[in-house]
Amino acid sequence: MGNSIICGDGFLSSLSLRGNMTTEHSRSALERLREYYDHEELVCPDCGYEDADGGWRSETNGDVVEYSHECPQCGAVRSHTLDVHEE
């Protein structure tokens, strides 16, 4: 079977990494997820600051992908951790 992503924080139950990659959708599922965070999770839940110019960072060790964002106003760090595994 293909790879799938399981999100430990309940945001995303599963995301298929298989499928057709057309020119219009040439980014990977992980890149699209980071782009989602960059556009949809801009407001800090701790202080309410909207970081319109900021972005989420992503790091991986091959088994786990962690997306994180530090609020430039108050320093609060948010993260989403995904377990990437073979089915």
C-alpha atoms as a PDB file:
ATOM      1  CA  MET A   1       0.000   0.000   0.000  1.00  0.00           C
ATOM      2  CA  GLY A   2       1.109   3.652  -0.110  1.00  0.00           C
ATOM      3  CA  ASN A   3       2.461   5.985   2.530  1.00  0.00           C
ATOM      4  CA  SER A   4       0.053   7.763   4.819  1.00  0.00           C
ATOM      5  CA  ILE A   5       0.411  10.542   7.345  1.00  0.00           C
ATOM      6  CA  ILE A   6      -1.155  10.271  10.771  1.00  0.00           C
ATOM      7  CA  CYS A   7      -1.367  13.458  12.809  1.00  0.00           C
ATOM      8  CA  GLY A   8      -0.926  13.093  16.547  1.00  0.00           C
ATOM      9  CA  ASP A   9      -2.899  16.228  17.401  1.00  0.00           C
ATOM     10  CA  GLY A  10      -6.127  15.098  15.730  1.00  0.00           C
ATOM     11  CA  PHE A  11      -6.066  17.785  13.030  1.00  0.00           C
ATOM     12  CA  LEU A  12      -5.628  15.337  10.197  1.00  0.00           C
ATOM     13  CA  SER A  13      -6.607  11.728  10.576  1.00  0.00           C
ATOM     14  CA  SER A  14      -4.916  10.470   7.420  1.00  0.00           C
ATOM     15  CA  LEU A  15      -3.600  11.895   4.166  1.00  0.00           C
ATOM     16  CA  SER A  16      -2.687   9.738   1.210  1.00  0.00           C
ATOM     17  CA  LEU A  17       0.696  10.423  -0.329  1.00  0.00           C
ATOM     18  CA  ARG A  18      -0.197   8.382  -3.419  1.00  0.00           C
ATOM     19  CA  GLY A  19      -1.991   9.734  -6.431  1.00  0.00           C
ATOM     20  CA  ASN A  20      -1.440  11.582  -9.656  1.00  0.00           C
ATOM     21  CA  MET A  21       0.843  14.578  -9.524  1.00  0.00           C
ATOM     22  CA  THR A  22      -0.220  16.941 -12.258  1.00  0.00           C
ATOM     23  CA  THR A  23       1.646  20.090 -13.229  1.00  0.00           C
ATOM     24  CA  GLU A  24      -0.929  22.119 -11.289  1.00  0.00           C
ATOM     25  CA  HIS A  25      -0.412  20.001  -8.177  1.00  0.00           C
ATOM     26  CA  SER A  26       3.300  19.238  -8.394  1.00  0.00           C
ATOM     27  CA  ARG A  27       3.989  19.903  -4.692  1.00  0.00           C
ATOM     28  CA  SER A  28       4.054  16.975  -2.287  1.00  0.00           C
ATOM     29  CA  ALA A  29       1.304  16.401   0.258  1.00  0.00           C
ATOM     30  CA  LEU A  30       3.682  17.570   3.009  1.00  0.00           C
ATOM     31  CA  GLU A  31       4.426  20.820   1.160  1.00  0.00           C
ATOM     32  CA  ARG A  32       0.709  21.423   0.658  1.00  0.00           C
ATOM     33  CA  LEU A  33       0.073  20.842   4.361  1.00  0.00           C
ATOM     34  CA  ARG A  34       2.752  23.386   5.310  1.00  0.00           C
ATOM     35  CA  GLU A  35       1.193  25.829   2.837  1.00  0.00           C
ATOM     36  CA  TYR A  36      -2.157  25.264   4.548  1.00  0.00           C
ATOM     37  CA  TYR A  37      -0.625  26.111   7.944  1.00  0.00           C
ATOM     38  CA  ASP A  38       1.050  29.207   6.423  1.00  0.00           C
ATOM     39  CA  HIS A  39      -2.318  30.500   5.213  1.00  0.00           C
ATOM     40  CA  GLU A  40      -4.817  29.214   7.780  1.00  0.00           C
ATOM     41  CA  GLU A  41      -3.006  29.275  11.123  1.00  0.00           C
ATOM     42  CA  LEU A  42      -1.724  32.839  11.248  1.00  0.00           C
ATOM     43  CA  VAL A  43      -3.270  34.060  14.519  1.00  0.00           C
ATOM     44  CA  CYS A  44      -1.495  33.223  17.771  1.00  0.00           C
ATOM     45  CA  PRO A  45      -3.933  31.558  20.197  1.00  0.00           C
ATOM     46  CA  ASP A  46      -2.004  32.994  23.169  1.00  0.00           C
ATOM     47  CA  CYS A  47      -1.836  36.708  22.325  1.00  0.00           C
ATOM     48  CA  GLY A  48      -4.009  37.115  19.206  1.00  0.00           C
ATOM     49  CA  TYR A  49      -1.183  38.472  17.029  1.00  0.00           C
ATOM     50  CA  GLU A  50      -1.678  37.819  13.310  1.00  0.00           C
ATOM     51  CA  ASP A  51       1.670  36.897  11.729  1.00  0.00           C
ATOM     52  CA  ALA A  52       0.746  37.642   8.099  1.00  0.00           C
ATOM     53  CA  ASP A  53       4.408  37.638   7.004  1.00  0.00           C
ATOM     54  CA  GLY A  54       5.516  34.577   8.950  1.00  0.00           C
ATOM     55  CA  GLY A  55       5.523  30.928   8.050  1.00  0.00           C
ATOM     56  CA  TRP A  56       5.618  27.495   9.566  1.00  0.00           C
ATOM     57  CA  ARG A  57       8.898  25.546   9.630  1.00  0.00           C
ATOM     58  CA  SER A  58       9.004  21.850   8.937  1.00  0.00           C
ATOM     59  CA  GLU A  59      11.608  19.297  10.019  1.00  0.00           C
ATOM     60  CA  THR A  60      11.737  15.558   9.506  1.00  0.00           C
ATOM     61  CA  ASN A  61      13.865  12.599  10.470  1.00  0.00           C
ATOM     62  CA  GLY A  62      12.150  10.325   7.927  1.00  0.00           C
ATOM     63  CA  ASP A  63       9.703   8.827  10.428  1.00  0.00           C
ATOM     64  CA  VAL A  64       8.211  11.987  11.935  1.00  0.00           C
ATOM     65  CA  VAL A  65       7.484  15.403  10.419  1.00  0.00           C
ATOM     66  CA  GLU A  66       7.134  18.347  12.788  1.00  0.00           C
ATOM     67  CA  TYR A  67       5.648  21.666  11.731  1.00  0.00           C
ATOM     68  CA  SER A  68       6.247  24.580  14.100  1.00  0.00           C
ATOM     69  CA  HIS A  69       5.652  28.317  14.292  1.00  0.00           C
ATOM     70  CA  GLU A  70       6.933  30.814  16.841  1.00  0.00           C
ATOM     71  CA  CYS A  71       4.853  33.936  17.414  1.00  0.00           C
ATOM     72  CA  PRO A  72       7.069  37.001  16.846  1.00  0.00           C
ATOM     73  CA  GLN A  73       4.965  38.994  19.323  1.00  0.00           C
ATOM     74  CA  CYS A  74       4.909  36.768  22.434  1.00  0.00           C
ATOM     75  CA  GLY A  75       7.258  33.870  21.576  1.00  0.00           C
ATOM     76  CA  ALA A  76       4.621  31.137  21.964  1.00  0.00           C
ATOM     77  CA  VAL A  77       5.439  28.048  19.901  1.00  0.00           C
ATOM     78  CA  ARG A  78       2.761  25.956  18.212  1.00  0.00           C
ATOM     79  CA  SER A  79       3.479  22.635  16.564  1.00  0.00           C
ATOM     80  CA  HIS A  80       1.851  19.773  14.697  1.00  0.00           C
ATOM     81  CA  THR A  81       3.639  16.418  14.700  1.00  0.00           C
ATOM     82  CA  LEU A  82       2.941  13.822  12.023  1.00  0.00           C
ATOM     83  CA  ASP A  83       3.944  10.178  12.082  1.00  0.00           C
ATOM     84  CA  VAL A  84       4.825   9.076   8.540  1.00  0.00           C
ATOM     85  CA  HIS A  85       4.823   5.326   8.027  1.00  0.00           C
ATOM     86  CA  GLU A  86       4.345   2.582   5.469  1.00  0.00           C
ATOM     87  CA  GLU A  87       1.033   0.726   5.467  1.00  0.00           C
END
